[in-house]
Amino acid sequence: MNKLNITVCMGSSCFARGNSQNLEFIENYIKENGLEAQIDLAGARCEGKCATGPNIVINGTEYHEVDEDKLKEILASYK
């Protein structure tokens, strides 16, 4: 796996619509798979794209309406 930079929108809309759970899922995924050295995880302020949230950016690619199932597929695609 190449180094991943994951940014989770922590704006109130995205956070309330699922990014609080998505953040927890990513943190657990990193821990369970020993990926601390391969993944940089950060939070971001609202980017003004609330209508398509919850939003997550991985290596510059924006993902919208992210839920846990979509997140599993996205992370698997980077292996």
Foldseek 3Di string as FASTA:
>chain_A
DAAKEKEWEPEPLQCVLASVVVVVVVVVVCVVVVPPVRYHYYYDYDPPPSVFHRWMAMPRDIDGPDHPVNVVVVVVVVD
